[in-house]
Amino acid sequence: MSDEAEAAAQPESERRPGKRMDREDWIERGVAIRAGFYIFGTHLFAGFVWLLFYLGEHTNK
């Protein structure tokens, strides 16, 4: 078997030691970004609801 055929038969992760596949990196990055948006969005919404309760409590009736 030639060197080129052996290199093609190996998984990509073994051909580039120390680096993972690009697809895995994109998936991990996407999950981290999505989780950040969900956490930030949830806190933003909770803060808005808290503000509505605060303002409603201090209205002149």
PDB file of N, CA and C in Angstrom:
ATOM      1  N   MET A   1       0.848  -1.167   0.000  1.00  0.00           N
ATOM      2  CA  MET A   1       0.000   0.000   0.000  1.00  0.00           C
ATOM      3  C   MET A   1       0.895   1.232   0.000  1.00  0.00           C
ATOM      4  N   SER A   2       0.540   2.224  -0.793  1.00  0.00           N
ATOM      5  CA  SER A   2       1.361   3.428  -0.874  1.00  0.00           C
ATOM      6  C   SER A   2       1.074   4.339   0.313  1.00  0.00           C
ATOM      7  N   ASP A   3       1.937   5.304   0.518  1.00  0.00           N
ATOM      8  CA  ASP A   3       1.765   6.242   1.625  1.00  0.00           C
ATOM      9  C   ASP A   3       0.487   7.061   1.462  1.00  0.00           C
ATOM     10  N   GLU A   4       0.155   7.428   0.241  1.00  0.00           N
ATOM     11  CA  GLU A   4      -1.057   8.217   0.001  1.00  0.00           C
ATOM     12  C   GLU A   4      -2.309   7.411   0.338  1.00  0.00           C
ATOM     13  N   ALA A   5      -2.317   6.142  -0.029  1.00  0.00           N
ATOM     14  CA  ALA A   5      -3.469   5.290   0.261  1.00  0.00           C
ATOM     15  C   ALA A   5      -3.615   5.079   1.767  1.00  0.00           C
ATOM     16  N   GLU A   6      -2.504   4.922   2.469  1.00  0.00           N
ATOM     17  CA  GLU A   6      -2.566   4.764   3.920  1.00  0.00           C
ATOM     18  C   GLU A   6      -3.081   6.038   4.577  1.00  0.00           C
ATOM     19  N   ALA A   7      -2.646   7.186   4.092  1.00  0.00           N
ATOM     20  CA  ALA A   7      -3.097   8.452   4.655  1.00  0.00           C
ATOM     21  C   ALA A   7      -4.593   8.644   4.407  1.00  0.00           C
ATOM     22  N   ALA A   8      -5.074   8.244   3.242  1.00  0.00           N
ATOM     23  CA  ALA A   8      -6.492   8.385   2.928  1.00  0.00           C
ATOM     24  C   ALA A   8      -7.336   7.421   3.754  1.00  0.00           C
ATOM     25  N   ALA A   9      -6.782   6.277   4.142  1.00  0.00           N
ATOM     26  CA  ALA A   9      -7.531   5.283   4.902  1.00  0.00           C
ATOM     27  C   ALA A   9      -7.655   5.659   6.375  1.00  0.00           C
ATOM     28  N   GLN A  10      -6.798   6.547   6.869  1.00  0.00           N
ATOM     29  CA  GLN A  10      -6.842   6.944   8.270  1.00  0.00           C
ATOM     30  C   GLN A  10      -7.938   7.979   8.479  1.00  0.00           C
ATOM     31  N   PRO A  11      -8.568   7.963   9.637  1.00  0.00           N
ATOM     32  CA  PRO A  11      -9.531   9.017   9.952  1.00  0.00           C
ATOM     33  C   PRO A  11      -8.834  10.373   9.993  1.00  0.00           C
ATOM     34  N   GLU A  12      -9.589  11.413   9.742  1.00  0.00           N
ATOM     35  CA  GLU A  12      -9.001  12.754   9.675  1.00  0.00           C
ATOM     36  C   GLU A  12      -8.384  13.167  11.000  1.00  0.00           C
ATOM     37  N   SER A  13      -8.973  12.724  12.113  1.00  0.00           N
ATOM     38  CA  SER A  13      -8.436  13.103  13.417  1.00  0.00           C
ATOM     39  C   SER A  13      -7.037  12.536  13.627  1.00  0.00           C
ATOM     40  N   GLU A  14      -6.723  11.409  13.003  1.00  0.00           N
ATOM     41  CA  GLU A  14      -5.387  10.836  13.129  1.00  0.00           C
ATOM     42  C   GLU A  14      -4.416  11.491  12.156  1.00  0.00           C
ATOM     43  N   ARG A  15      -4.910  12.022  11.062  1.00  0.00           N
ATOM     44  CA  ARG A  15      -4.022  12.684  10.098  1.00  0.00           C
ATOM     45  C   ARG A  15      -3.536  14.026  10.617  1.00  0.00           C
ATOM     46  N   ARG A  16      -4.359  14.687  11.420  1.00  0.00           N
ATOM     47  CA  ARG A  16      -3.967  15.975  11.970  1.00  0.00           C
ATOM     48  C   ARG A  16      -3.954  15.858  13.487  1.00  0.00           C
ATOM     49  N   PRO A  17      -2.878  15.372  14.054  1.00  0.00           N
ATOM     50  CA  PRO A  17      -2.847  15.195  15.504  1.00  0.00           C
ATOM     51  C   PRO A  17      -2.966  16.532  16.226  1.00  0.00           C
ATOM     52  N   GLY A  18      -3.713  16.532  17.328  1.00  0.00           N
ATOM     53  CA  GLY A  18      -3.881  17.742  18.108  1.00  0.00           C
ATOM     54  C   GLY A  18      -5.056  18.592  17.675  1.00  0.00           C
ATOM     55  N   LYS A  19      -5.683  18.260  16.576  1.00  0.00           N
ATOM     56  CA  LYS A  19      -6.830  19.028  16.099  1.00  0.00           C
ATOM     57  C   LYS A  19      -8.022  18.098  15.932  1.00  0.00           C
ATOM     58  N   ARG A  20      -9.187  18.607  16.289  1.00  0.00           N
ATOM     59  CA  ARG A  20     -10.392  17.821  16.078  1.00  0.00           C
ATOM     60  C   ARG A  20     -11.008  18.199  14.748  1.00  0.00           C
ATOM     61  N   MET A  21     -12.021  17.483  14.406  1.00  0.00           N
ATOM     62  CA  MET A  21     -12.669  17.745  13.131  1.00  0.00           C
ATOM     63  C   MET A  21     -13.402  19.086  13.191  1.00  0.00           C
ATOM     64  N   ASP A  22     -13.475  19.779  12.072  1.00  0.00           N
ATOM     65  CA  ASP A  22     -14.095  21.093  12.009  1.00  0.00           C
ATOM     66  C   ASP A  22     -15.576  21.032  12.374  1.00  0.00           C
ATOM     67  N   ARG A  23     -16.247  19.978  11.950  1.00  0.00           N
ATOM     68  CA  ARG A  23     -17.685  19.861  12.220  1.00  0.00           C
ATOM     69  C   ARG A  23     -17.954  19.816  13.719  1.00  0.00           C
ATOM     70  N   GLU A  24     -17.160  19.103  14.465  1.00  0.00           N
ATOM     71  CA  GLU A  24     -17.335  19.033  15.914  1.00  0.00           C
ATOM     72  C   GLU A  24     -17.123  20.393  16.550  1.00  0.00           C
ATOM     73  N   ASP A  25     -16.141  21.136  16.067  1.00  0.00           N
ATOM     74  CA  ASP A  25     -15.883  22.465  16.605  1.00  0.00           C
ATOM     75  C   ASP A  25     -17.079  23.384  16.371  1.00  0.00           C
ATOM     76  N   TRP A  26     -17.661  23.323  15.192  1.00  0.00           N
ATOM     77  CA  TRP A  26     -18.816  24.161  14.877  1.00  0.00           C
ATOM     78  C   TRP A  26     -20.013  23.775  15.736  1.00  0.00           C
ATOM     79  N   ILE A  27     -20.208  22.487  15.967  1.00  0.00           N
ATOM     80  CA  ILE A  27     -21.328  22.040  16.792  1.00  0.00           C
ATOM     81  C   ILE A  27     -21.154  22.546  18.226  1.00  0.00           C
ATOM     82  N   GLU A  28     -19.958  22.391  18.778  1.00  0.00           N
ATOM     83  CA  GLU A  28     -19.704  22.857  20.139  1.00  0.00           C
ATOM     84  C   GLU A  28     -19.872  24.363  20.240  1.00  0.00           C
ATOM     85  N   ARG A  29     -19.377  25.073  19.257  1.00  0.00           N
ATOM     86  CA  ARG A  29     -19.487  26.525  19.274  1.00  0.00           C
ATOM     87  C   ARG A  29     -20.953  26.945  19.188  1.00  0.00           C
ATOM     88  N   GLY A  30     -21.712  26.275  18.333  1.00  0.00           N
ATOM     89  CA  GLY A  30     -23.133  26.593  18.203  1.00  0.00           C
ATOM     90  C   GLY A  30     -23.897  26.344  19.485  1.00  0.00           C
ATOM     91  N   VAL A  31     -23.593  25.259  20.156  1.00  0.00           N
ATOM     92  CA  VAL A  31     -24.267  24.945  21.419  1.00  0.00           C
ATOM     93  C   VAL A  31     -23.917  25.997  22.468  1.00  0.00           C
ATOM     94  N   ALA A  32     -22.673  26.396  22.532  1.00  0.00           N
ATOM     95  CA  ALA A  32     -22.255  27.401  23.521  1.00  0.00           C
ATOM     96  C   ALA A  32     -22.926  28.748  23.250  1.00  0.00           C
ATOM     97  N   ILE A  33     -22.995  29.149  21.994  1.00  0.00           N
ATOM     98  CA  ILE A  33     -23.632  30.424  21.650  1.00  0.00           C
ATOM     99  C   ILE A  33     -25.128  30.365  21.959  1.00  0.00           C
ATOM    100  N   ARG A  34     -25.767  29.269  21.590  1.00  0.00           N
ATOM    101  CA  ARG A  34     -27.200  29.120  21.846  1.00  0.00           C
ATOM    102  C   ARG A  34     -27.486  29.138  23.348  1.00  0.00           C
ATOM    103  N   ALA A  35     -26.685  28.438  24.126  1.00  0.00           N
ATOM    104  CA  ALA A  35     -26.876  28.429  25.581  1.00  0.00           C
ATOM    105  C   ALA A  35     -26.692  29.829  26.153  1.00  0.00           C
ATOM    106  N   GLY A  36     -25.713  30.553  25.640  1.00  0.00           N
ATOM    107  CA  GLY A  36     -25.501  31.933  26.101  1.00  0.00           C
ATOM    108  C   GLY A  36     -26.692  32.820  25.805  1.00  0.00           C
ATOM    109  N   PHE A  37     -27.255  32.692  24.602  1.00  0.00           N
ATOM    110  CA  PHE A  37     -28.438  33.476  24.256  1.00  0.00           C
ATOM    111  C   PHE A  37     -29.622  33.107  25.139  1.00  0.00           C
ATOM    112  N   TYR A  38     -29.817  31.824  25.381  1.00  0.00           N
ATOM    113  CA  TYR A  38     -30.934  31.400  26.226  1.00  0.00           C
ATOM    114  C   TYR A  38     -30.776  31.930  27.645  1.00  0.00           C
ATOM    115  N   ILE A  39     -29.587  31.824  28.195  1.00  0.00           N
ATOM    116  CA  ILE A  39     -29.349  32.306  29.561  1.00  0.00           C
ATOM    117  C   ILE A  39     -29.527  33.824  29.620  1.00  0.00           C
ATOM    118  N   PHE A  40     -28.926  34.539  28.677  1.00  0.00           N
ATOM    119  CA  PHE A  40     -29.046  35.998  28.648  1.00  0.00           C
ATOM    120  C   PHE A  40     -30.500  36.409  28.433  1.00  0.00           C
ATOM    121  N   GLY A  41     -31.174  35.774  27.499  1.00  0.00           N
ATOM    122  CA  GLY A  41     -32.566  36.109  27.201  1.00  0.00           C
ATOM    123  C   GLY A  41     -33.484  35.848  28.375  1.00  0.00           C
ATOM    124  N   THR A  42     -33.272  34.743  29.070  1.00  0.00           N
ATOM    125  CA  THR A  42     -34.093  34.415  30.235  1.00  0.00           C
ATOM    126  C   THR A  42     -33.903  35.452  31.333  1.00  0.00           C
ATOM    127  N   HIS A  43     -32.654  35.859  31.576  1.00  0.00           N
ATOM    128  CA  HIS A  43     -32.407  36.872  32.597  1.00  0.00           C
ATOM    129  C   HIS A  43     -32.975  38.225  32.183  1.00  0.00           C
ATOM    130  N   LEU A  44     -32.886  38.550  30.919  1.00  0.00           N
ATOM    131  CA  LEU A  44     -33.442  39.806  30.429  1.00  0.00           C
ATOM    132  C   LEU A  44     -34.963  39.821  30.612  1.00  0.00           C
ATOM    133  N   PHE A  45     -35.627  38.731  30.256  1.00  0.00           N
ATOM    134  CA  PHE A  45     -37.079  38.627  30.428  1.00  0.00           C
ATOM    135  C   PHE A  45     -37.465  38.691  31.910  1.00  0.00           C
ATOM    136  N   ALA A  46     -36.725  37.986  32.764  1.00  0.00           N
ATOM    137  CA  ALA A  46     -37.016  38.008  34.200  1.00  0.00           C
ATOM    138  C   ALA A  46     -36.829  39.417  34.762  1.00  0.00           C
ATOM    139  N   GLY A  47     -35.812  40.126  34.297  1.00  0.00           N
ATOM    140  CA  GLY A  47     -35.602  41.505  34.738  1.00  0.00           C
ATOM    141  C   GLY A  47     -36.733  42.413  34.297  1.00  0.00           C
ATOM    142  N   PHE A  48     -37.241  42.207  33.093  1.00  0.00           N
ATOM    143  CA  PHE A  48     -38.359  43.000  32.598  1.00  0.00           C
ATOM    144  C   PHE A  48     -39.616  42.739  33.429  1.00  0.00           C
ATOM    145  N   VAL A  49     -39.892  41.494  33.742  1.00  0.00           N
ATOM    146  CA  VAL A  49     -41.053  41.162  34.575  1.00  0.00           C
ATOM    147  C   VAL A  49     -40.889  41.767  35.966  1.00  0.00           C
ATOM    148  N   TRP A  50     -39.685  41.676  36.528  1.00  0.00           N
ATOM    149  CA  TRP A  50     -39.425  42.274  37.838  1.00  0.00           C
ATOM    150  C   TRP A  50     -39.665  43.782  37.782  1.00  0.00           C
ATOM    151  N   LEU A  51     -39.231  44.432  36.713  1.00  0.00           N
ATOM    152  CA  LEU A  51     -39.437  45.873  36.554  1.00  0.00           C
ATOM    153  C   LEU A  51     -40.930  46.204  36.495  1.00  0.00           C
ATOM    154  N   LEU A  52     -41.711  45.405  35.794  1.00  0.00           N
ATOM    155  CA  LEU A  52     -43.153  45.642  35.728  1.00  0.00           C
ATOM    156  C   LEU A  52     -43.794  45.529  37.109  1.00  0.00           C
ATOM    157  N   PHE A  53     -43.415  44.520  37.882  1.00  0.00           N
ATOM    158  CA  PHE A  53     -43.944  44.389  39.236  1.00  0.00           C
ATOM    159  C   PHE A  53     -43.515  45.558  40.112  1.00  0.00           C
ATOM    160  N   TYR A  54     -42.264  45.965  39.982  1.00  0.00           N
ATOM    161  CA  TYR A  54     -41.749  47.094  40.774  1.00  0.00           C
ATOM    162  C   TYR A  54     -42.507  48.370  40.442  1.00  0.00           C
ATOM    163  N   LEU A  55     -42.682  48.657  39.175  1.00  0.00           N
ATOM    164  CA  LEU A  55     -43.395  49.862  38.774  1.00  0.00           C
ATOM    165  C   LEU A  55     -44.870  49.793  39.169  1.00  0.00           C
ATOM    166  N   GLY A  56     -45.472  48.621  39.036  1.00  0.00           N
ATOM    167  CA  GLY A  56     -46.870  48.459  39.433  1.00  0.00           C
ATOM    168  C   GLY A  56     -47.082  48.644  40.923  1.00  0.00           C
ATOM    169  N   GLU A  57     -46.094  48.246  41.717  1.00  0.00           N
ATOM    170  CA  GLU A  57     -46.195  48.369  43.169  1.00  0.00           C
ATOM    171  C   GLU A  57     -46.092  49.826  43.602  1.00  0.00           C
ATOM    172  N   HIS A  58     -45.390  50.651  42.843  1.00  0.00           N
ATOM    173  CA  HIS A  58     -45.152  52.042  43.226  1.00  0.00           C
ATOM    174  C   HIS A  58     -46.008  53.042  42.470  1.00  0.00           C
ATOM    175  N   THR A  59     -47.098  52.614  41.901  1.00  0.00           N
ATOM    176  CA  THR A  59     -47.980  53.546  41.204  1.00  0.00           C
ATOM    177  C   THR A  59     -48.882  54.247  42.207  1.00  0.00           C
ATOM    178  N   ASN A  60     -49.313  55.429  41.865  1.00  0.00           N
ATOM    179  CA  ASN A  60     -50.254  56.159  42.700  1.00  0.00           C
ATOM    180  C   ASN A  60     -51.661  55.720  42.355  1.00  0.00           C
ATOM    181  N   LYS A  61     -52.295  55.077  43.286  1.00  0.00           N
ATOM    182  CA  LYS A  61     -53.640  54.543  43.024  1.00  0.00           C
ATOM    183  C   LYS A  61     -54.695  55.507  43.455  1.00  0.00           C
TER     184      LYS A  61
END
